[in-house]
C-alpha atoms as a PDB file:
ATOM      1  CA  MET A   1      -5.649 -14.514 -21.018  1.00  0.00           C
ATOM      2  CA  SER A   2      -3.234 -17.311 -20.782  1.00  0.00           C
ATOM      3  CA  GLU A   3      -2.665 -19.002 -17.574  1.00  0.00           C
ATOM      4  CA  THR A   4       1.017 -19.445 -18.475  1.00  0.00           C
ATOM      5  CA  VAL A   5       3.479 -16.738 -17.359  1.00  0.00           C
ATOM      6  CA  HIS A   6       6.921 -16.639 -18.954  1.00  0.00           C
ATOM      7  CA  LEU A   7       9.508 -15.545 -16.549  1.00  0.00           C
ATOM      8  CA  PRO A   8      13.058 -14.424 -17.424  1.00  0.00           C
ATOM      9  CA  LYS A   9      15.573 -17.216 -16.686  1.00  0.00           C
ATOM     10  CA  ALA A  10      17.294 -15.252 -13.799  1.00  0.00           C
ATOM     11  CA  LEU A  11      13.797 -14.659 -12.055  1.00  0.00           C
ATOM     12  CA  ALA A  12      12.737 -18.204 -12.590  1.00  0.00           C
ATOM     13  CA  ARG A  13      16.008 -19.428 -10.889  1.00  0.00           C
ATOM     14  CA  ARG A  14      15.399 -17.011  -7.937  1.00  0.00           C
ATOM     15  CA  LEU A  15      11.828 -18.259  -7.605  1.00  0.00           C
ATOM     16  CA  GLU A  16      13.004 -21.947  -7.685  1.00  0.00           C
ATOM     17  CA  ARG A  17      15.514 -21.196  -4.872  1.00  0.00           C
ATOM     18  CA  ILE A  18      13.189 -19.398  -2.673  1.00  0.00           C
ATOM     19  CA  ALA A  19      10.500 -21.917  -3.147  1.00  0.00           C
ATOM     20  CA  GLU A  20      12.855 -24.612  -1.989  1.00  0.00           C
ATOM     21  CA  ILE A  21      13.862 -22.594   1.036  1.00  0.00           C
ATOM     22  CA  ALA A  22      10.283 -21.667   2.005  1.00  0.00           C
ATOM     23  CA  ARG A  23       9.029 -25.199   1.275  1.00  0.00           C
ATOM     24  CA  MET A  24       6.392 -23.966  -1.061  1.00  0.00           C
ATOM     25  CA  SER A  25       5.745 -24.531  -4.781  1.00  0.00           C
ATOM     26  CA  PRO A  26       6.909 -21.918  -7.147  1.00  0.00           C
ATOM     27  CA  GLU A  27       3.374 -21.673  -8.364  1.00  0.00           C
ATOM     28  CA  ALA A  28       2.048 -20.832  -4.942  1.00  0.00           C
ATOM     29  CA  ILE A  29       4.645 -18.072  -4.404  1.00  0.00           C
ATOM     30  CA  ALA A  30       4.000 -16.682  -7.859  1.00  0.00           C
ATOM     31  CA  THR A  31       0.064 -16.811  -7.378  1.00  0.00           C
ATOM     32  CA  THR A  32       0.402 -14.977  -4.001  1.00  0.00           C
ATOM     33  CA  ALA A  33       2.812 -12.337  -5.368  1.00  0.00           C
ATOM     34  CA  ILE A  34       0.611 -11.747  -8.389  1.00  0.00           C
ATOM     35  CA  LYS A  35      -2.540 -11.499  -6.201  1.00  0.00           C
ATOM     36  CA  GLU A  36      -0.915  -9.027  -3.639  1.00  0.00           C
ATOM     37  CA  ARG A  37       0.309  -6.904  -6.475  1.00  0.00           C
ATOM     38  CA  VAL A  38      -2.987  -6.742  -8.191  1.00  0.00           C
ATOM     39  CA  ASP A  39      -4.762  -6.012  -4.896  1.00  0.00           C
ATOM     40  CA  TYR A  40      -2.357  -2.982  -4.334  1.00  0.00           C
ATOM     41  CA  LEU A  41      -2.908  -1.751  -7.839  1.00  0.00           C
ATOM     42  CA  GLU A  42      -6.665  -1.943  -7.493  1.00  0.00           C
ATOM     43  CA  TRP A  43      -6.432  -0.105  -4.210  1.00  0.00           C
ATOM     44  CA  LYS A  44      -4.150   2.545  -5.710  1.00  0.00           C
ATOM     45  CA  GLU A  45      -6.348   3.168  -8.717  1.00  0.00           C
ATOM     46  CA  LYS A  46      -9.436   3.440  -6.327  1.00  0.00           C
ATOM     47  CA  ALA A  47      -7.568   5.900  -4.077  1.00  0.00           C
ATOM     48  CA  ILE A  48      -6.523   8.078  -6.905  1.00  0.00           C
ATOM     49  CA  ALA A  49     -10.149   8.103  -8.311  1.00  0.00           C
ATOM     50  CA  GLU A  50     -11.395   9.107  -4.761  1.00  0.00           C
ATOM     51  CA  GLY A  51      -8.737  11.869  -4.486  1.00  0.00           C
ATOM     52  CA  GLN A  52      -9.625  13.221  -7.917  1.00  0.00           C
ATOM     53  CA  ALA A  53     -13.363  13.177  -6.989  1.00  0.00           C
ATOM     54  CA  ASP A  54     -12.559  15.216  -3.890  1.00  0.00           C
ATOM     55  CA  LEU A  55     -10.551  17.645  -5.999  1.00  0.00           C
ATOM     56  CA  ASP A  56     -13.323  17.937  -8.519  1.00  0.00           C
ATOM     57  CA  ALA A  57     -15.808  18.648  -5.853  1.00  0.00           C
ATOM     58  CA  GLY A  58     -13.648  21.339  -4.141  1.00  0.00           C
ATOM     59  CA  ARG A  59     -12.902  19.143  -1.087  1.00  0.00           C
ATOM     60  CA  LEU A  60      -9.317  20.072  -0.428  1.00  0.00           C
ATOM     61  CA  THR A  61      -7.014  21.713   2.069  1.00  0.00           C
ATOM     62  CA  THR A  62      -3.819  23.786   2.056  1.00  0.00           C
ATOM     63  CA  THR A  63      -0.587  22.534   3.499  1.00  0.00           C
ATOM     64  CA  GLU A  64      -0.849  25.408   6.110  1.00  0.00           C
ATOM     65  CA  ARG A  65      -4.192  24.199   7.317  1.00  0.00           C
ATOM     66  CA  LEU A  66      -3.087  20.670   7.604  1.00  0.00           C
ATOM     67  CA  ARG A  67       0.071  21.721   9.580  1.00  0.00           C
ATOM     68  CA  ALA A  68      -2.107  23.877  11.854  1.00  0.00           C
ATOM     69  CA  GLU A  69      -4.367  20.969  12.466  1.00  0.00           C
ATOM     70  CA  LEU A  70      -1.527  18.660  13.335  1.00  0.00           C
ATOM     71  CA  VAL A  71       0.016  21.103  15.776  1.00  0.00           C
ATOM     72  CA  LYS A  72      -3.446  21.476  17.409  1.00  0.00           C
ATOM     73  CA  GLN A  73      -3.826  17.713  17.700  1.00  0.00           C
ATOM     74  CA  ARG A  74      -0.294  17.350  19.219  1.00  0.00           C
ATOM     75  CA  SER A  75      -1.071  20.015  21.691  1.00  0.00           C
ATOM     76  CA  GLN A  76      -4.303  18.309  22.780  1.00  0.00           C
ATOM     77  CA  ARG A  77      -2.416  15.026  23.185  1.00  0.00           C
ATOM     78  CA  ALA A  78       0.298  16.678  25.289  1.00  0.00           C
ATOM     79  CA  SER A  79      -2.417  18.402  27.543  1.00  0.00           C
ATOM     80  CA  LYS A  80      -4.020  15.050  28.075  1.00  0.00           C
ATOM     81  CA  ARG A  81      -0.725  13.261  29.121  1.00  0.00           C
ATOM     82  CA  LYS A  82       0.109  16.175  31.530  1.00  0.00           C
ATOM     83  CA  LYS A  83      -3.422  15.816  33.181  1.00  0.00           C
ATOM     84  CA  ALA A  84      -3.053  11.964  33.362  1.00  0.00           C
ATOM     85  CA  ALA A  85       0.400  12.211  35.079  1.00  0.00           C
END
């Protein structure tokens, strides 16, 4: 893969402007932006694969069960607050 990235002119101008304001090099901003996006995409793909593995293994829940569990947790928290007061 090439280390050169070709940007549309409008995006390159925006990058130059923000680099000047942020007192950073355009290369540093671009490198950080690309790294953060790649990190996110790797996380997303891993999360999707883990979710699919759970589905394939039958580890799932219904919306009703999830809502019931949330109601239960809220009730427990409310009880703890009343006892603490």
